[in-house]
Protein backbone atom coordinates (compact mmCIF):
# COMPACT_ATOMS: atom_id res chain seq x y z
CA MET A 1 -0.65 0.46 -12.62
CA PRO A 2 -3.59 -1.85 -13.02
CA ASN A 3 -6.41 -1.51 -10.37
CA GLY A 4 -6.06 -5.18 -9.15
CA SER A 5 -2.32 -4.51 -8.22
CA ARG A 6 -2.52 -1.02 -6.34
CA PRO A 7 -2.02 -1.05 -2.81
CA ARG A 8 -5.34 -0.60 -0.85
CA SER A 9 -5.18 2.68 1.59
CA LEU A 10 -4.93 2.66 5.03
CA PRO A 11 -8.84 2.86 5.92
CA HIS A 12 -9.50 0.28 3.64
CA ARG A 13 -7.03 -2.22 5.13
CA LEU A 14 -8.46 -1.28 8.70
CA LEU A 15 -11.92 -2.05 7.33
CA ALA A 16 -10.94 -5.32 6.04
CA LEU A 17 -9.32 -6.48 9.59
CA ALA A 18 -12.15 -5.20 11.59
CA THR A 19 -14.82 -6.88 9.62
CA GLY A 20 -12.57 -9.84 8.18
CA ASN A 21 -13.22 -12.65 10.67
CA TRP A 22 -15.90 -13.85 13.29
CA LEU A 23 -13.73 -12.54 16.27
CA SER A 24 -14.04 -8.69 14.96
CA ARG A 25 -17.48 -9.00 13.79
CA ALA A 26 -18.48 -10.33 17.24
CA TYR A 27 -16.87 -7.44 19.05
CA LEU A 28 -18.55 -4.76 16.66
CA ALA A 29 -22.06 -6.79 17.59
CA VAL A 30 -21.40 -6.40 21.23
CA PHE A 31 -20.32 -2.74 20.57
CA ALA A 32 -23.58 -2.04 18.76
CA LEU A 33 -25.40 -3.99 21.67
CA SER A 34 -23.54 -1.83 24.20
CA LEU A 35 -24.92 1.55 22.45
CA LEU A 36 -28.55 0.08 22.46
CA VAL A 37 -28.14 -0.40 26.23
CA MET A 38 -26.90 3.25 26.70
CA PHE A 39 -30.17 4.53 24.80
CA LEU A 40 -32.77 2.14 26.37
CA PHE A 41 -31.06 2.10 30.05
CA PRO A 42 -29.44 4.97 30.62
CA GLU A 43 -29.53 4.81 34.30
CA SER A 44 -28.12 0.88 34.29
CA GLY A 45 -24.94 -0.04 35.44
CA PHE A 46 -23.82 -0.85 31.88
CA ALA A 47 -24.89 2.09 30.26
CA MET A 48 -21.25 3.34 30.10
CA SER A 49 -19.95 0.12 29.25
CA PHE A 50 -18.98 1.17 25.46
CA LEU A 51 -16.44 3.29 26.87
CA LEU A 52 -14.47 0.19 28.31
CA LEU A 53 -15.11 -1.69 24.83
CA THR A 54 -13.49 1.00 23.03
CA ALA A 55 -10.91 1.59 25.51
CA PRO A 56 -8.15 3.26 25.39
CA LEU A 57 -8.68 5.43 22.70
CA SER A 58 -12.19 6.48 23.61
CA PHE A 59 -10.94 7.79 27.17
CA MET A 60 -8.79 10.52 25.06
CA SER A 61 -12.24 12.08 24.31
CA MET A 62 -12.33 13.02 28.14
CA VAL A 63 -9.34 15.53 27.40
CA LEU A 64 -10.40 16.40 23.78
CA PRO A 65 -11.87 20.13 23.65
CA LEU A 66 -15.32 18.79 21.81
CA GLY A 67 -17.70 16.39 23.29
CA PRO A 68 -21.10 15.71 25.33
CA GLY A 69 -21.27 18.50 27.86
CA THR A 70 -19.55 21.26 25.31
CA GLU A 71 -21.54 24.54 26.10
CA GLY A 72 -22.60 26.91 23.31
CA GLY A 73 -25.34 27.37 21.07
CA TRP A 74 -27.29 24.34 19.40
CA ALA A 75 -24.96 24.29 16.45
CA VAL A 76 -21.73 23.87 18.66
CA GLU A 77 -23.35 21.19 20.85
CA ALA A 78 -24.66 19.35 17.86
CA ALA A 79 -21.08 19.72 16.14
CA ALA A 80 -19.52 18.46 19.33
CA ILE A 81 -21.64 15.26 19.75
CA GLY A 82 -21.20 14.37 16.05
CA PHE A 83 -17.64 14.66 16.60
CA TRP A 84 -17.29 12.47 19.71
CA ALA A 85 -19.65 9.95 17.66
CA VAL A 86 -17.57 9.61 15.06
CA TRP A 87 -14.54 9.33 17.33
CA LEU A 88 -16.32 6.72 19.12
CA LEU A 89 -17.05 4.77 16.14
CA LEU A 90 -13.44 5.15 15.06
CA CYS A 91 -12.32 4.04 18.16
CA ALA A 92 -14.57 0.81 18.03
CA PHE A 93 -13.36 0.00 14.27
CA VAL A 94 -9.69 0.42 15.25
CA ASN A 95 -10.27 -2.39 18.29
CA ALA A 96 -12.04 -4.53 16.07
CA ALA A 97 -9.11 -4.43 13.66
CA VAL A 98 -6.69 -5.16 16.46
CA LEU A 99 -8.94 -8.35 17.18
CA GLY A 100 -8.92 -9.18 13.44
CA ALA A 101 -5.24 -8.92 13.44
CA LEU A 102 -5.20 -11.54 16.33
CA LEU A 103 -6.71 -14.34 13.92
CA THR A 104 -4.66 -13.30 11.12
CA ARG A 105 -1.37 -15.13 10.19
CA SER A 106 1.70 -14.20 11.79
CA ALA A 107 2.90 -11.24 9.96
CA ASN A 108 6.53 -12.25 10.64
CA ALA A 109 6.00 -14.88 7.64
CA ALA A 110 4.10 -12.42 5.45
CA SER A 111 6.17 -9.00 5.90
CA PRO A 112 9.36 -8.81 4.11
CA GLY A 113 12.29 -7.76 6.19
CA SER A 114 10.39 -8.17 9.24
CA ARG A 115 12.65 -10.77 10.79
CA ASP A 116 15.15 -8.13 10.92
CA LEU A 117 13.35 -6.07 13.24
CA LEU A 118 13.57 -8.82 16.01
CA PRO A 119 16.49 -8.25 18.36
CA ARG A 120 19.36 -10.25 17.40
CA GLY A 121 21.72 -11.56 20.22
CA PRO A 122 23.92 -14.36 21.09
CA GLY A 123 21.17 -16.78 21.72
CA SER A 124 19.18 -15.70 18.69
CA PRO A 125 17.81 -18.43 16.32
CA GLY A 126 19.81 -16.94 13.54
CA ARG A 127 22.86 -17.28 15.46
CA GLU A 128 22.66 -20.96 16.81
CA GLY A 129 25.91 -22.73 16.39
CA THR A 130 28.29 -19.71 15.49
CA GLY A 131 30.78 -18.53 17.88
CA GLY A 132 30.44 -21.13 20.41
CA ALA A 133 27.26 -19.48 21.64
CA ARG A 134 24.52 -21.36 23.42
CA PRO A 135 21.20 -21.18 21.76
CA ALA A 136 18.44 -19.65 23.31
CA SER A 137 15.83 -21.96 25.12
CA PRO A 138 12.40 -22.45 23.26
CA ARG A 139 10.65 -20.80 26.03
CA SER A 140 13.10 -17.69 25.92
CA ARG A 141 12.38 -17.45 22.20
CA GLY A 142 8.71 -17.81 22.54
CA ILE A 143 8.65 -15.08 24.92
CA ARG A 144 10.79 -12.93 22.97
CA ALA A 145 8.60 -13.49 19.91
CA LEU A 146 5.65 -12.76 21.87
CA LEU A 147 6.61 -9.34 23.23
CA ALA A 148 8.48 -8.34 19.79
CA PRO A 149 5.31 -6.36 18.37
CA ALA A 150 5.52 -4.25 21.59
CA VAL A 151 8.86 -2.70 20.52
CA ASP A 152 9.63 -3.28 16.73
CA THR A 153 6.79 -0.85 15.50
CA TRP A 154 6.70 3.00 16.16
CA LEU A 155 2.94 2.75 16.69
CA ALA A 156 3.72 0.55 19.71
CA ARG A 157 6.88 2.36 21.07
CA GLY A 158 4.97 5.57 21.22
CA TYR A 159 2.10 4.05 23.10
CA LEU A 160 4.75 2.31 25.60
CA ALA A 161 6.16 6.15 25.97
CA VAL A 162 2.80 7.77 26.72
CA VAL A 163 2.14 4.51 29.39
CA ALA A 164 5.57 5.30 30.85
CA ALA A 165 5.13 8.94 31.29
CA SER A 166 1.52 8.56 32.58
CA LEU A 167 2.75 5.99 35.44
CA GLY A 168 5.94 7.93 36.16
CA PHE A 169 3.68 10.90 36.79
CA PHE A 170 1.41 8.72 38.97
CA LEU A 171 4.25 7.56 41.13
CA VAL A 172 5.77 11.10 41.63
CA ALA A 173 2.33 12.33 42.88
CA ALA A 174 1.69 9.26 45.07
CA TYR A 175 5.07 9.40 46.91
CA LEU A 176 6.21 12.79 46.42
CA LEU A 177 3.25 15.12 46.65
CA PRO A 178 1.13 16.05 49.63
CA ASP A 179 -2.04 15.50 47.97
CA PRO A 180 -1.55 13.05 44.65
CA GLY A 181 -5.43 14.38 43.70
CA PHE A 182 -6.69 12.09 40.65
CA ALA A 183 -3.27 11.31 39.46
CA GLY A 184 -4.22 7.52 38.72
CA ILE A 185 -6.54 8.83 36.27
CA TRP A 186 -4.05 8.89 33.74
CA PRO A 187 -2.54 5.50 33.91
CA ILE A 188 -6.13 3.84 34.13
CA MET A 189 -6.80 5.89 30.72
CA THR A 190 -3.68 5.19 28.90
CA THR A 191 -3.91 1.19 29.84
CA ALA A 192 -7.66 0.73 29.94
CA PRO A 193 -9.56 -1.85 29.79
CA LEU A 194 -7.13 -3.96 31.74
CA GLY A 195 -5.78 -0.99 33.71
CA VAL A 196 -9.31 -0.68 35.37
CA VAL A 197 -8.75 -4.20 36.75
CA ALA A 198 -5.27 -3.22 38.04
CA PHE A 199 -7.06 -0.41 39.97
CA LEU A 200 -9.70 -2.50 41.09
CA VAL A 201 -6.84 -5.01 42.42
CA ALA A 202 -4.78 -2.70 44.20
CA SER A 203 -7.50 -0.64 45.72
CA PRO A 204 -8.34 -2.79 48.80
CA VAL A 205 -4.85 -2.86 49.67
CA GLU A 206 -5.46 0.94 50.97
CA TRP A 207 -7.87 -0.17 53.42
CA SER A 208 -4.97 -1.59 55.27
CA SER A 209 -3.14 1.19 57.23
CA SER A 210 -0.01 -0.42 57.43
CA LEU A 211 0.03 -1.81 53.78
CA ALA A 212 -1.27 1.41 52.26
CA TRP A 213 2.09 2.50 50.72
CA LEU A 214 1.96 -0.76 48.77
CA SER A 215 -0.98 -0.13 46.80
CA PRO A 216 0.32 2.65 44.25
CA LEU A 217 3.28 -0.12 43.55
CA LEU A 218 0.80 -2.64 42.96
CA PHE A 219 -1.40 -0.60 40.54
CA THR A 220 2.00 0.48 38.59
CA ALA A 221 2.81 -3.28 38.54
CA GLY A 222 -0.69 -3.91 36.93
CA ALA A 223 -0.97 -1.00 34.99
CA ALA A 224 2.50 -1.67 33.12
CA LEU A 225 1.39 -5.22 32.52
CA SER A 226 -1.74 -3.94 31.07
CA GLY A 227 0.11 -1.38 28.90
CA LEU A 228 2.66 -3.92 27.77
CA CYS A 229 -0.51 -6.04 26.41
CA ASN A 230 -2.02 -3.16 24.88
CA ALA A 231 1.62 -2.56 22.99
CA VAL A 232 1.49 -6.10 21.94
CA LEU A 233 -1.77 -5.73 20.24
CA LEU A 234 -0.93 -2.48 18.73
CA GLY A 235 2.16 -4.09 17.23
CA ARG A 236 0.55 -6.94 15.70
CA LEU A 237 -2.01 -4.49 14.08
CA ALA A 238 1.00 -2.44 12.88
CA ARG A 239 2.61 -5.47 11.38
CA THR A 240 -0.46 -7.15 9.69
CA LEU A 241 -1.31 -3.83 8.12
CA ARG A 242 2.43 -3.52 6.71
CA ALA A 243 2.07 -6.84 5.67
CA ARG A 244 -1.40 -6.06 3.58
CA GLU A 245 0.29 -3.06 2.21
CA ALA A 246 3.44 -4.90 1.11
CA ARG A 247 0.91 -7.70 -0.69
CA PRO A 248 -0.44 -6.37 -3.55
CA ALA A 249 -4.51 -6.82 -4.05
CA ALA A 250 -5.91 -9.57 -5.97
């Protein structure tokens, strides 16, 4: 097979998306600036902004066995910090690729057979005028098309399963356990960065004793929407990568 028609590997396709347009390059520039702030102003309130910029994947480093603070000899500590740095850069490039996929033309038109992945019902566009079914309104078709990337790829479905598990654990801890502890950290980690906003919005409700019971529900709703937004972005990334894989390189 000629080199010009050989499909590019996944890292090459991710790198192309992460550096291929102004939005992804601007994100990488802001990420580099956040790292500079961390080194120059470690005591400032923006020193940890790089974690939010690379969320939610960067938050997984908190549960990984290696990272800053790992105790051992200098070799172990150096390896742990190096592993964490590589993981952080990988998270940044994945997020940049997600943003790059936003400016890429719809993968529905580029990916062969992707329309078959969309749900087909009596009101879907492909069934209009058959069986006497009333066609769906343009608004419902638009919402369906907007949310379709969140459920038609294994990457997005797997992420939604993790979000659902973290929210279920949080609700059980908040309403059934005598001391929920830090159960809310898991939904925040899985749905960041927007999950952090949901937490900040729901937290003041706890200050009112009569409405404190409502705070977990508000946070759960906000975190669920944040997770759905992240799933849509991941689905669009998966669609774009699949379309680039199907299209031979020029």
